[in-house]
N, C-alpha and C. Protein backbone atom coordinates (compact mmCIF):
# COMPACT_ATOMS: atom_id res chain seq x y z
N MET A 1 106.95 -149.08 -187.95
CA MET A 1 107.02 -150.44 -187.79
C MET A 1 107.21 -150.88 -186.34
N ALA A 2 107.95 -150.08 -185.67
CA ALA A 2 108.19 -150.31 -184.18
C ALA A 2 106.78 -150.20 -183.39
N ILE A 3 106.06 -149.32 -183.72
CA ILE A 3 104.79 -149.16 -182.99
C ILE A 3 103.89 -150.35 -183.09
N HIS A 4 103.77 -150.83 -184.37
CA HIS A 4 102.97 -152.11 -184.54
C HIS A 4 103.59 -153.29 -183.88
N LYS A 5 104.88 -153.39 -183.95
CA LYS A 5 105.58 -154.50 -183.26
C LYS A 5 105.42 -154.44 -181.76
N PHE A 6 105.58 -153.40 -181.25
CA PHE A 6 105.46 -153.20 -179.76
C PHE A 6 103.99 -153.40 -179.32
N THR A 7 103.06 -152.90 -180.02
CA THR A 7 101.70 -153.05 -179.63
C THR A 7 101.26 -154.55 -179.73
N ARG A 8 101.64 -155.15 -180.78
CA ARG A 8 101.35 -156.59 -180.98
C ARG A 8 101.97 -157.39 -179.78
N ALA A 9 103.24 -157.06 -179.40
CA ALA A 9 103.93 -157.86 -178.36
C ALA A 9 103.25 -157.58 -176.97
N ILE A 10 102.79 -156.36 -176.74
CA ILE A 10 102.10 -156.12 -175.44
C ILE A 10 100.83 -156.83 -175.41
N PHE A 11 100.03 -156.85 -176.48
CA PHE A 11 98.78 -157.61 -176.45
C PHE A 11 98.97 -159.09 -176.33
N GLN A 12 100.04 -159.63 -176.91
CA GLN A 12 100.33 -161.10 -176.92
C GLN A 12 101.14 -161.47 -175.61
N GLY A 13 101.50 -160.50 -174.77
CA GLY A 13 102.29 -160.84 -173.56
C GLY A 13 103.67 -161.13 -173.87
N GLU A 14 104.17 -160.74 -175.04
CA GLU A 14 105.59 -161.08 -175.33
C GLU A 14 106.48 -159.93 -175.03
N PRO A 15 107.75 -160.10 -174.78
CA PRO A 15 108.63 -158.97 -174.38
C PRO A 15 108.89 -158.12 -175.61
N ILE A 16 109.12 -156.86 -175.29
CA ILE A 16 109.59 -155.85 -176.22
C ILE A 16 111.14 -155.73 -176.08
N GLU A 17 111.86 -155.82 -177.10
CA GLU A 17 113.31 -155.64 -177.02
C GLU A 17 113.60 -154.10 -177.09
N MET A 18 114.18 -153.60 -176.06
CA MET A 18 114.53 -152.27 -175.90
C MET A 18 116.06 -152.14 -175.87
N TYR A 19 116.70 -151.53 -176.91
CA TYR A 19 118.18 -151.46 -177.02
C TYR A 19 118.61 -150.15 -176.24
N GLY A 20 119.55 -150.30 -175.26
CA GLY A 20 119.94 -149.09 -174.51
C GLY A 20 119.00 -148.87 -173.37
N ASP A 21 119.00 -147.65 -172.97
CA ASP A 21 118.21 -147.21 -171.82
C ASP A 21 116.72 -146.62 -172.18
N GLY A 22 116.40 -146.65 -173.44
CA GLY A 22 115.16 -146.21 -173.78
C GLY A 22 115.08 -144.68 -174.09
N SER A 23 116.34 -144.03 -174.04
CA SER A 23 116.35 -142.55 -174.20
C SER A 23 116.55 -142.17 -175.67
N THR A 24 116.72 -143.15 -176.59
CA THR A 24 116.73 -142.71 -178.02
C THR A 24 115.40 -142.02 -178.43
N ARG A 25 115.54 -141.19 -179.35
CA ARG A 25 114.50 -140.42 -179.80
C ARG A 25 114.26 -140.64 -181.35
N ARG A 26 113.02 -140.82 -181.77
CA ARG A 26 112.78 -141.01 -183.19
C ARG A 26 111.54 -140.10 -183.53
N ASP A 27 111.34 -139.96 -184.88
CA ASP A 27 110.34 -139.09 -185.48
C ASP A 27 109.35 -140.08 -186.05
N TYR A 28 108.20 -140.33 -185.16
CA TYR A 28 107.27 -141.19 -185.61
C TYR A 28 106.10 -140.43 -186.29
N THR A 29 105.61 -140.87 -187.48
CA THR A 29 104.67 -140.08 -188.29
C THR A 29 103.58 -140.93 -188.53
N PHE A 30 102.34 -140.38 -188.35
CA PHE A 30 101.08 -141.11 -188.63
C PHE A 30 100.90 -141.26 -190.06
N VAL A 31 100.42 -142.41 -190.52
CA VAL A 31 100.32 -142.80 -192.01
C VAL A 31 99.52 -141.73 -192.79
N SER A 32 98.48 -141.05 -192.14
CA SER A 32 97.74 -140.20 -192.94
C SER A 32 98.48 -138.86 -193.26
N ASP A 33 99.40 -138.52 -192.36
CA ASP A 33 100.29 -137.36 -192.65
C ASP A 33 101.21 -137.67 -193.86
N ILE A 34 101.73 -138.82 -193.89
CA ILE A 34 102.49 -139.24 -195.04
C ILE A 34 101.79 -139.25 -196.29
N VAL A 35 100.63 -139.83 -196.29
CA VAL A 35 99.69 -139.98 -197.39
C VAL A 35 99.49 -138.52 -198.01
N GLU A 36 99.09 -137.57 -197.03
CA GLU A 36 98.86 -136.21 -197.53
C GLU A 36 100.06 -135.59 -198.12
N GLY A 37 101.26 -135.82 -197.63
CA GLY A 37 102.50 -135.30 -198.22
C GLY A 37 102.73 -135.98 -199.64
N VAL A 38 102.51 -137.28 -199.84
CA VAL A 38 102.69 -137.86 -201.14
C VAL A 38 101.63 -137.26 -202.09
N HIS A 39 100.39 -137.24 -201.65
CA HIS A 39 99.32 -136.66 -202.46
C HIS A 39 99.71 -135.17 -202.96
N ALA A 40 100.15 -134.46 -202.05
CA ALA A 40 100.58 -133.08 -202.45
C ALA A 40 101.72 -133.11 -203.43
N CYS A 41 102.59 -133.96 -203.34
CA CYS A 41 103.68 -134.06 -204.44
C CYS A 41 103.02 -134.43 -205.74
N MET A 42 102.10 -135.26 -205.72
CA MET A 42 101.41 -135.73 -207.04
C MET A 42 100.56 -134.50 -207.76
N GLN A 43 100.26 -133.63 -206.97
CA GLN A 43 99.56 -132.47 -207.40
C GLN A 43 100.35 -131.35 -208.06
N ARG A 44 101.65 -131.46 -207.95
CA ARG A 44 102.56 -130.46 -208.38
C ARG A 44 103.58 -130.93 -209.37
N ARG A 45 104.11 -130.08 -210.20
CA ARG A 45 105.28 -130.57 -211.10
C ARG A 45 106.55 -130.26 -210.36
N LEU A 46 107.14 -131.16 -209.88
CA LEU A 46 108.36 -131.00 -209.03
C LEU A 46 109.60 -131.48 -209.65
N ASP A 47 109.47 -132.10 -210.85
CA ASP A 47 110.63 -132.80 -211.49
C ASP A 47 111.17 -133.79 -210.62
N TYR A 48 112.47 -133.59 -210.26
CA TYR A 48 113.25 -134.60 -209.51
C TYR A 48 113.60 -134.19 -208.14
N GLU A 49 112.62 -133.54 -207.46
CA GLU A 49 113.05 -133.01 -206.14
C GLU A 49 112.96 -134.20 -205.11
N ILE A 50 113.87 -134.05 -204.18
CA ILE A 50 113.88 -135.02 -203.03
C ILE A 50 113.32 -134.14 -201.81
N ILE A 51 112.29 -134.75 -201.25
CA ILE A 51 111.54 -134.08 -200.17
C ILE A 51 111.31 -135.06 -199.04
N ASN A 52 111.72 -134.52 -197.86
CA ASN A 52 111.55 -135.39 -196.69
C ASN A 52 110.08 -135.23 -196.16
N LEU A 53 109.38 -136.29 -195.79
CA LEU A 53 108.14 -136.18 -195.12
C LEU A 53 108.37 -136.84 -193.75
N GLY A 54 107.77 -136.28 -192.73
CA GLY A 54 107.85 -136.87 -191.43
C GLY A 54 107.11 -135.92 -190.54
N ASP A 55 107.24 -136.08 -189.29
CA ASP A 55 106.63 -135.21 -188.23
C ASP A 55 107.61 -134.08 -187.87
N SER A 56 108.85 -134.50 -187.86
CA SER A 56 110.05 -133.55 -187.34
C SER A 56 110.03 -133.24 -185.79
N ASN A 57 109.11 -134.04 -185.11
CA ASN A 57 109.14 -133.90 -183.68
C ASN A 57 109.62 -135.23 -183.12
N THR A 58 110.60 -135.30 -182.18
CA THR A 58 111.08 -136.62 -181.77
C THR A 58 110.30 -137.00 -180.51
N VAL A 59 110.23 -138.43 -180.41
CA VAL A 59 109.61 -139.01 -179.23
C VAL A 59 110.57 -139.96 -178.63
N GLU A 60 110.78 -139.91 -177.31
CA GLU A 60 111.70 -140.80 -176.59
C GLU A 60 110.96 -142.27 -176.62
N LEU A 61 111.82 -143.26 -176.73
CA LEU A 61 111.31 -144.60 -176.86
C LEU A 61 110.57 -144.99 -175.61
N ARG A 62 111.04 -144.59 -174.44
CA ARG A 62 110.35 -144.96 -173.16
C ARG A 62 108.99 -144.32 -173.10
N TYR A 63 108.87 -143.15 -173.63
CA TYR A 63 107.60 -142.43 -173.65
C TYR A 63 106.60 -143.15 -174.68
N LEU A 64 107.15 -143.56 -175.81
CA LEU A 64 106.42 -144.23 -176.76
C LEU A 64 105.79 -145.59 -176.12
N ILE A 65 106.59 -146.35 -175.45
CA ILE A 65 106.20 -147.52 -174.86
C ILE A 65 105.11 -147.22 -173.87
N SER A 66 105.26 -146.19 -173.07
CA SER A 66 104.31 -145.90 -171.90
C SER A 66 102.88 -145.48 -172.65
N LEU A 67 103.06 -144.86 -173.85
CA LEU A 67 101.66 -144.44 -174.44
C LEU A 67 100.96 -145.70 -174.93
N ILE A 68 101.75 -146.61 -175.54
CA ILE A 68 101.13 -147.87 -175.92
C ILE A 68 100.58 -148.63 -174.73
N GLU A 69 101.27 -148.72 -173.72
CA GLU A 69 100.80 -149.43 -172.45
C GLU A 69 99.39 -148.80 -171.98
N GLN A 70 99.46 -147.39 -171.96
CA GLN A 70 98.33 -146.73 -171.49
C GLN A 70 97.10 -147.10 -172.36
N HIS A 71 97.17 -147.03 -173.71
CA HIS A 71 96.02 -147.34 -174.58
C HIS A 71 95.67 -148.76 -174.69
N ALA A 72 96.70 -149.51 -174.48
CA ALA A 72 96.39 -151.04 -174.44
C ALA A 72 95.77 -151.59 -173.24
N GLY A 73 96.03 -150.73 -172.12
CA GLY A 73 95.62 -151.20 -170.78
C GLY A 73 96.43 -152.31 -170.24
N LYS A 74 97.66 -152.58 -170.74
CA LYS A 74 98.50 -153.58 -170.30
C LYS A 74 99.91 -153.13 -170.15
N LYS A 75 100.66 -153.60 -169.26
CA LYS A 75 101.99 -153.31 -169.02
C LYS A 75 102.99 -154.14 -170.03
N ALA A 76 103.93 -153.41 -170.52
CA ALA A 76 104.85 -154.13 -171.45
C ALA A 76 105.85 -154.94 -170.65
N ARG A 77 106.24 -155.99 -171.14
CA ARG A 77 107.43 -156.83 -170.66
C ARG A 77 108.59 -156.39 -171.55
N ILE A 78 109.54 -155.68 -170.82
CA ILE A 78 110.68 -155.19 -171.58
C ILE A 78 111.98 -155.90 -171.39
N LYS A 79 112.56 -156.39 -172.37
CA LYS A 79 113.76 -157.13 -172.40
C LYS A 79 114.96 -156.06 -172.85
N GLN A 80 115.61 -155.56 -171.87
CA GLN A 80 116.52 -154.52 -172.10
C GLN A 80 117.87 -155.09 -172.63
N LEU A 81 118.32 -154.60 -173.76
CA LEU A 81 119.52 -155.14 -174.38
C LEU A 81 120.54 -154.02 -174.53
N PRO A 82 121.85 -154.28 -174.76
CA PRO A 82 122.86 -153.25 -174.95
C PRO A 82 122.44 -152.49 -176.24
N GLU A 83 122.98 -151.22 -176.19
CA GLU A 83 122.78 -150.42 -177.51
C GLU A 83 123.48 -151.12 -178.66
N GLN A 84 122.64 -150.89 -179.76
CA GLN A 84 123.19 -151.48 -180.99
C GLN A 84 124.33 -150.74 -181.64
N PRO A 85 125.35 -151.36 -182.03
CA PRO A 85 126.45 -150.60 -182.67
C PRO A 85 126.02 -149.74 -183.78
N GLY A 86 126.44 -148.52 -183.94
CA GLY A 86 126.14 -147.64 -184.94
C GLY A 86 124.78 -146.97 -184.82
N ASP A 87 123.98 -147.31 -183.79
CA ASP A 87 122.74 -146.61 -183.57
C ASP A 87 123.00 -145.21 -183.15
N VAL A 88 122.11 -144.28 -183.52
CA VAL A 88 122.23 -142.88 -183.19
C VAL A 88 121.20 -142.52 -182.12
N PRO A 89 121.42 -141.59 -181.30
CA PRO A 89 120.62 -141.24 -180.13
C PRO A 89 119.30 -140.58 -180.75
N ILE A 90 119.37 -139.87 -181.82
CA ILE A 90 118.17 -139.05 -182.30
C ILE A 90 118.14 -138.98 -183.80
N THR A 91 116.94 -139.15 -184.41
CA THR A 91 116.70 -139.00 -185.82
C THR A 91 115.40 -138.36 -186.03
N PHE A 92 115.33 -137.47 -186.98
CA PHE A 92 114.10 -136.88 -187.38
C PHE A 92 114.16 -136.20 -188.77
N ALA A 93 113.08 -136.04 -189.34
CA ALA A 93 113.04 -135.51 -190.75
C ALA A 93 113.01 -133.99 -190.69
N ASN A 94 113.85 -133.39 -191.59
CA ASN A 94 113.91 -131.93 -191.73
C ASN A 94 112.80 -131.69 -192.83
N ILE A 95 111.63 -131.15 -192.49
CA ILE A 95 110.51 -130.97 -193.44
C ILE A 95 110.36 -129.56 -193.86
N ALA A 96 111.43 -128.71 -193.79
CA ALA A 96 111.28 -127.30 -194.26
C ALA A 96 110.99 -127.22 -195.73
N LYS A 97 111.57 -128.12 -196.49
CA LYS A 97 111.35 -128.01 -197.95
C LYS A 97 109.93 -128.58 -198.27
N ALA A 98 109.42 -129.49 -197.55
CA ALA A 98 108.11 -130.06 -197.78
C ALA A 98 107.09 -128.94 -197.40
N ARG A 99 107.32 -128.24 -196.41
CA ARG A 99 106.44 -127.05 -195.93
C ARG A 99 106.40 -126.01 -197.15
N ARG A 100 107.65 -125.74 -197.50
CA ARG A 100 107.78 -124.63 -198.60
C ARG A 100 107.19 -124.99 -199.80
N LEU A 101 107.48 -126.29 -200.45
CA LEU A 101 107.03 -126.64 -201.84
C LEU A 101 105.55 -127.14 -201.79
N LEU A 102 105.29 -127.81 -200.67
CA LEU A 102 103.93 -128.55 -200.62
C LEU A 102 102.91 -127.96 -199.79
N GLY A 103 103.36 -127.09 -198.81
CA GLY A 103 102.38 -126.59 -197.80
C GLY A 103 102.18 -127.77 -196.79
N TYR A 104 103.05 -128.61 -196.72
CA TYR A 104 102.95 -129.90 -195.86
C TYR A 104 103.06 -129.47 -194.36
N GLU A 105 102.19 -129.97 -193.58
CA GLU A 105 102.12 -129.82 -192.16
C GLU A 105 101.52 -130.93 -191.58
N PRO A 106 102.30 -131.79 -190.85
CA PRO A 106 101.77 -132.97 -190.12
C PRO A 106 100.75 -132.58 -189.10
N LYS A 107 99.70 -133.30 -188.97
CA LYS A 107 98.63 -132.94 -188.10
C LYS A 107 98.44 -133.89 -186.89
N VAL A 108 98.80 -135.16 -187.09
CA VAL A 108 98.51 -136.22 -185.99
C VAL A 108 99.67 -136.28 -185.00
N LYS A 109 99.54 -135.89 -183.85
CA LYS A 109 100.56 -135.96 -182.83
C LYS A 109 100.62 -137.49 -182.35
N ILE A 110 101.73 -137.77 -181.71
CA ILE A 110 101.97 -139.20 -181.38
C ILE A 110 100.91 -139.80 -180.44
N GLU A 111 100.44 -138.89 -179.50
CA GLU A 111 99.41 -139.26 -178.54
C GLU A 111 98.09 -139.67 -179.28
N GLU A 112 97.64 -138.85 -180.32
CA GLU A 112 96.61 -139.14 -181.06
C GLU A 112 96.72 -140.40 -181.99
N GLY A 113 97.97 -140.46 -182.52
CA GLY A 113 98.18 -141.67 -183.50
C GLY A 113 98.05 -142.95 -182.59
N ILE A 114 98.61 -143.04 -181.51
CA ILE A 114 98.66 -144.23 -180.64
C ILE A 114 97.22 -144.50 -180.30
N GLU A 115 96.40 -143.60 -179.93
CA GLU A 115 95.00 -143.71 -179.57
C GLU A 115 94.23 -144.31 -180.76
N ARG A 116 94.55 -143.76 -181.90
CA ARG A 116 93.79 -144.30 -183.16
C ARG A 116 94.18 -145.65 -183.48
N LEU A 117 95.48 -146.07 -183.32
CA LEU A 117 95.89 -147.43 -183.52
C LEU A 117 95.23 -148.38 -182.61
């Protein structure tokens, strides 16, 4: 959701709200990788398993914004705000179980995903 929000803001010349210094890291996953994981789940009898799908590689917020700028051909207007209470510096999916049970392996790296968008 952040990627679409940021891209739209850059193209419309609106500011991007960046909480903290931009060093937070998140696990951004291209939709086709999630669809492949869900499809793999539907092909197996897994009963009531809980399986994380994601990329499991983290991307720094500042780097994400720079990638969008590069592919949009426009500079982002950044409105820097204080860190949000309760926000954590890093989040990512542990996909070991998805790999084991589904043969799941994300294919689209962030650079390619931003280019496709």
